[in-house]
Amino acid sequence: MMVPVGPPFLGELEIAVMERLWAGGPSDVETAHRSIGHGRGITLNTIQSTLQRLYKKGLLARHKVSHAYVYSPRVSRAEVMAQIVNEVVTALAGGRTEPMLAAFVDLASRAGRDTLDRLEKMIERKRDERRRGGR
């Protein structure tokens, strides 16, 4: 179950549309419907509404080609994930990072040693970036 913690909260269909656009590139409503909606029994209008909602949330860009809009992602998957994690931490932990870090490390440890090793390398890269003056 998704917890609506604020924009850009994404529902299941919105996530499916974003995944389609990240993987397949720009798309008009009909193309998105063929790849997402048709197999799910979702109408063209529902896909069109979903694309419009994502556009209004600032997650998609669009430009007109002939009589149809072509939509493309304005943000990467990583940017959306970072925003959602930030919103969850703010909403559920009052901005305190300790509970989120504990949950994340627990999740990584359950995924296995390789995941913990990758996490350790990511942390080390971030430390190096900060030492060099990056974010």
C-alpha atoms as a PDB file:
ATOM      1  CA  MET A   1       0.000   0.000   0.000  1.00  0.00           C
ATOM      2  CA  MET A   2       1.365   3.405  -0.990  1.00  0.00           C
ATOM      3  CA  VAL A   3       1.277   6.141   1.634  1.00  0.00           C
ATOM      4  CA  PRO A   4       0.260   9.542   0.198  1.00  0.00           C
ATOM      5  CA  VAL A   5       2.908  11.768   1.752  1.00  0.00           C
ATOM      6  CA  GLY A   6       2.595  14.632  -0.695  1.00  0.00           C
ATOM      7  CA  PRO A   7       3.555  15.549  -4.229  1.00  0.00           C
ATOM      8  CA  PRO A   8       4.736  13.768  -6.222  1.00  0.00           C
ATOM      9  CA  PHE A   9       2.909  10.805  -4.646  1.00  0.00           C
ATOM     10  CA  LEU A  10       2.593   8.138  -7.317  1.00  0.00           C
ATOM     11  CA  GLY A  11      -0.085   5.499  -7.628  1.00  0.00           C
ATOM     12  CA  GLU A  12       0.388   2.114  -9.272  1.00  0.00           C
ATOM     13  CA  LEU A  13      -0.688   3.271 -12.741  1.00  0.00           C
ATOM     14  CA  GLU A  14       1.421   6.418 -12.511  1.00  0.00           C
ATOM     15  CA  ILE A  15       4.452   4.288 -11.653  1.00  0.00           C
ATOM     16  CA  ALA A  16       3.709   1.984 -14.612  1.00  0.00           C
ATOM     17  CA  VAL A  17       3.503   4.992 -16.947  1.00  0.00           C
ATOM     18  CA  MET A  18       6.765   6.449 -15.625  1.00  0.00           C
ATOM     19  CA  GLU A  19       8.460   3.053 -15.993  1.00  0.00           C
ATOM     20  CA  ARG A  20       7.237   2.842 -19.597  1.00  0.00           C
ATOM     21  CA  LEU A  21       8.590   6.292 -20.411  1.00  0.00           C
ATOM     22  CA  TRP A  22      11.930   5.711 -18.667  1.00  0.00           C
ATOM     23  CA  ALA A  23      12.412   2.423 -20.501  1.00  0.00           C
ATOM     24  CA  GLY A  24      10.868   3.204 -23.872  1.00  0.00           C
ATOM     25  CA  GLY A  25      11.344   6.917 -24.316  1.00  0.00           C
ATOM     26  CA  PRO A  26       8.810   9.575 -25.310  1.00  0.00           C
ATOM     27  CA  SER A  27       5.276   8.441 -26.028  1.00  0.00           C
ATOM     28  CA  ASP A  28       1.904   9.744 -27.087  1.00  0.00           C
ATOM     29  CA  VAL A  29      -1.305   8.604 -25.403  1.00  0.00           C
ATOM     30  CA  GLU A  30      -2.119   5.895 -27.952  1.00  0.00           C
ATOM     31  CA  THR A  31       1.342   4.332 -27.764  1.00  0.00           C
ATOM     32  CA  ALA A  32       1.291   4.399 -23.962  1.00  0.00           C
ATOM     33  CA  HIS A  33      -2.173   2.829 -24.000  1.00  0.00           C
ATOM     34  CA  ARG A  34      -1.019  -0.006 -26.266  1.00  0.00           C
ATOM     35  CA  SER A  35       1.893  -0.850 -23.992  1.00  0.00           C
ATOM     36  CA  ILE A  36       0.278  -0.232 -20.583  1.00  0.00           C
ATOM     37  CA  GLY A  37      -3.475   0.150 -20.721  1.00  0.00           C
ATOM     38  CA  HIS A  38      -4.536  -2.425 -23.276  1.00  0.00           C
ATOM     39  CA  GLY A  39      -3.181  -5.422 -21.331  1.00  0.00           C
ATOM     40  CA  ARG A  40      -4.665  -4.136 -18.066  1.00  0.00           C
ATOM     41  CA  GLY A  41      -8.090  -3.425 -19.507  1.00  0.00           C
ATOM     42  CA  ILE A  42      -7.640   0.311 -18.924  1.00  0.00           C
ATOM     43  CA  THR A  43      -9.242   2.803 -21.282  1.00  0.00           C
ATOM     44  CA  LEU A  44      -7.376   5.279 -23.441  1.00  0.00           C
ATOM     45  CA  ASN A  45      -8.974   8.096 -21.427  1.00  0.00           C
ATOM     46  CA  THR A  46      -7.538   6.707 -18.190  1.00  0.00           C
ATOM     47  CA  ILE A  47      -4.036   6.627 -19.671  1.00  0.00           C
ATOM     48  CA  GLN A  48      -4.531  10.165 -21.000  1.00  0.00           C
ATOM     49  CA  SER A  49      -5.652  11.373 -17.553  1.00  0.00           C
ATOM     50  CA  THR A  50      -2.668   9.672 -15.929  1.00  0.00           C
ATOM     51  CA  LEU A  51      -0.233  11.321 -18.345  1.00  0.00           C
ATOM     52  CA  GLN A  52      -1.875  14.709 -17.699  1.00  0.00           C
ATOM     53  CA  ARG A  53      -1.654  14.210 -13.904  1.00  0.00           C
ATOM     54  CA  LEU A  54       2.048  13.341 -14.163  1.00  0.00           C
ATOM     55  CA  TYR A  55       2.570  16.413 -16.341  1.00  0.00           C
ATOM     56  CA  LYS A  56       0.804  18.640 -13.780  1.00  0.00           C
ATOM     57  CA  LYS A  57       2.957  17.143 -11.009  1.00  0.00           C
ATOM     58  CA  GLY A  58       6.004  18.270 -12.978  1.00  0.00           C
ATOM     59  CA  LEU A  59       7.268  14.754 -13.642  1.00  0.00           C
ATOM     60  CA  LEU A  60       6.640  14.805 -17.397  1.00  0.00           C
ATOM     61  CA  ALA A  61       7.349  17.243 -20.189  1.00  0.00           C
ATOM     62  CA  ARG A  62       5.172  17.350 -23.269  1.00  0.00           C
ATOM     63  CA  HIS A  63       5.212  18.833 -26.727  1.00  0.00           C
ATOM     64  CA  LYS A  64       2.608  18.829 -29.443  1.00  0.00           C
ATOM     65  CA  VAL A  65       3.163  16.769 -32.568  1.00  0.00           C
ATOM     66  CA  SER A  66       0.341  17.268 -35.050  1.00  0.00           C
ATOM     67  CA  HIS A  67      -2.801  16.906 -32.914  1.00  0.00           C
ATOM     68  CA  ALA A  68      -1.328  14.868 -30.060  1.00  0.00           C
ATOM     69  CA  TYR A  69       0.967  15.503 -27.119  1.00  0.00           C
ATOM     70  CA  VAL A  70       4.143  13.464 -26.820  1.00  0.00           C
ATOM     71  CA  TYR A  71       5.199  12.978 -23.202  1.00  0.00           C
ATOM     72  CA  SER A  72       8.693  12.374 -21.852  1.00  0.00           C
ATOM     73  CA  PRO A  73      10.160  12.189 -18.338  1.00  0.00           C
ATOM     74  CA  ARG A  74      11.443  15.449 -16.816  1.00  0.00           C
ATOM     75  CA  VAL A  75      13.037  13.560 -13.944  1.00  0.00           C
ATOM     76  CA  SER A  76      15.019  10.364 -13.635  1.00  0.00           C
ATOM     77  CA  ARG A  77      13.966   7.292 -11.683  1.00  0.00           C
ATOM     78  CA  ALA A  78      16.702   8.099  -9.133  1.00  0.00           C
ATOM     79  CA  GLU A  79      15.356  11.642  -8.645  1.00  0.00           C
ATOM     80  CA  VAL A  80      11.822  10.349  -8.032  1.00  0.00           C
ATOM     81  CA  MET A  81      13.084   7.719  -5.604  1.00  0.00           C
ATOM     82  CA  ALA A  82      15.130  10.310  -3.696  1.00  0.00           C
ATOM     83  CA  GLN A  83      12.103  12.621  -3.458  1.00  0.00           C
ATOM     84  CA  ILE A  84       9.821   9.834  -2.219  1.00  0.00           C
ATOM     85  CA  VAL A  85      12.361   8.688   0.391  1.00  0.00           C
ATOM     86  CA  ASN A  86      12.776  12.284   1.552  1.00  0.00           C
ATOM     87  CA  GLU A  87       8.999  12.694   1.877  1.00  0.00           C
ATOM     88  CA  VAL A  88       8.615   9.427   3.791  1.00  0.00           C
ATOM     89  CA  VAL A  89      11.434  10.314   6.181  1.00  0.00           C
ATOM     90  CA  THR A  90       9.914  13.749   6.737  1.00  0.00           C
ATOM     91  CA  ALA A  91       6.380  12.408   7.216  1.00  0.00           C
ATOM     92  CA  LEU A  92       7.137   9.339   9.315  1.00  0.00           C
ATOM     93  CA  ALA A  93      10.334  10.223  11.138  1.00  0.00           C
ATOM     94  CA  GLY A  94       9.957  13.969  11.490  1.00  0.00           C
ATOM     95  CA  GLY A  95      13.054  14.439   9.364  1.00  0.00           C
ATOM     96  CA  ARG A  96      15.225  12.329  11.677  1.00  0.00           C
ATOM     97  CA  THR A  97      17.443  10.083   9.587  1.00  0.00           C
ATOM     98  CA  GLU A  98      18.343   7.466  12.223  1.00  0.00           C
ATOM     99  CA  PRO A  99      15.109   5.396  11.931  1.00  0.00           C
ATOM    100  CA  MET A 100      15.309   5.505   8.121  1.00  0.00           C
ATOM    101  CA  LEU A 101      18.963   4.498   8.097  1.00  0.00           C
ATOM    102  CA  ALA A 102      18.307   1.616  10.490  1.00  0.00           C
ATOM    103  CA  ALA A 103      15.457   0.366   8.300  1.00  0.00           C
ATOM    104  CA  PHE A 104      17.542   0.747   5.158  1.00  0.00           C
ATOM    105  CA  VAL A 105      20.556  -1.103   6.587  1.00  0.00           C
ATOM    106  CA  ASP A 106      18.245  -3.871   7.811  1.00  0.00           C
ATOM    107  CA  LEU A 107      16.736  -4.173   4.341  1.00  0.00           C
ATOM    108  CA  ALA A 108      20.195  -4.247   2.738  1.00  0.00           C
ATOM    109  CA  SER A 109      21.407  -6.922   5.144  1.00  0.00           C
ATOM    110  CA  ARG A 110      18.395  -9.126   4.371  1.00  0.00           C
ATOM    111  CA  ALA A 111      19.229  -8.788   0.666  1.00  0.00           C
ATOM    112  CA  GLY A 112      22.636 -10.347   1.286  1.00  0.00           C
ATOM    113  CA  ARG A 113      26.313  -9.678   1.658  1.00  0.00           C
ATOM    114  CA  ASP A 114      26.704  -8.391  -1.923  1.00  0.00           C
ATOM    115  CA  THR A 115      24.144  -5.680  -1.238  1.00  0.00           C
ATOM    116  CA  LEU A 116      25.907  -4.655   1.963  1.00  0.00           C
ATOM    117  CA  ASP A 117      29.218  -4.529   0.061  1.00  0.00           C
ATOM    118  CA  ARG A 118      27.651  -2.308  -2.635  1.00  0.00           C
ATOM    119  CA  LEU A 119      26.175  -0.061   0.058  1.00  0.00           C
ATOM    120  CA  GLU A 120      29.572   0.264   1.688  1.00  0.00           C
ATOM    121  CA  LYS A 121      31.141   1.257  -1.652  1.00  0.00           C
ATOM    122  CA  MET A 122      28.407   3.830  -2.277  1.00  0.00           C
ATOM    123  CA  ILE A 123      29.023   5.363   1.144  1.00  0.00           C
ATOM    124  CA  GLU A 124      32.738   5.528   0.471  1.00  0.00           C
ATOM    125  CA  ARG A 125      32.154   7.224  -2.914  1.00  0.00           C
ATOM    126  CA  LYS A 126      29.928   9.828  -1.242  1.00  0.00           C
ATOM    127  CA  ARG A 127      32.579  10.458   1.419  1.00  0.00           C
ATOM    128  CA  ASP A 128      35.179  10.964  -1.319  1.00  0.00           C
ATOM    129  CA  GLU A 129      32.860  13.385  -3.151  1.00  0.00           C
ATOM    130  CA  ARG A 130      32.319  15.419   0.014  1.00  0.00           C
ATOM    131  CA  ARG A 131      36.057  15.552   0.682  1.00  0.00           C
ATOM    132  CA  ARG A 132      36.540  16.913  -2.835  1.00  0.00           C
ATOM    133  CA  GLY A 133      33.839  19.549  -2.241  1.00  0.00           C
ATOM    134  CA  GLY A 134      30.920  17.826  -4.004  1.00  0.00           C
ATOM    135  CA  ARG A 135      27.504  17.154  -2.572  1.00  0.00           C
END
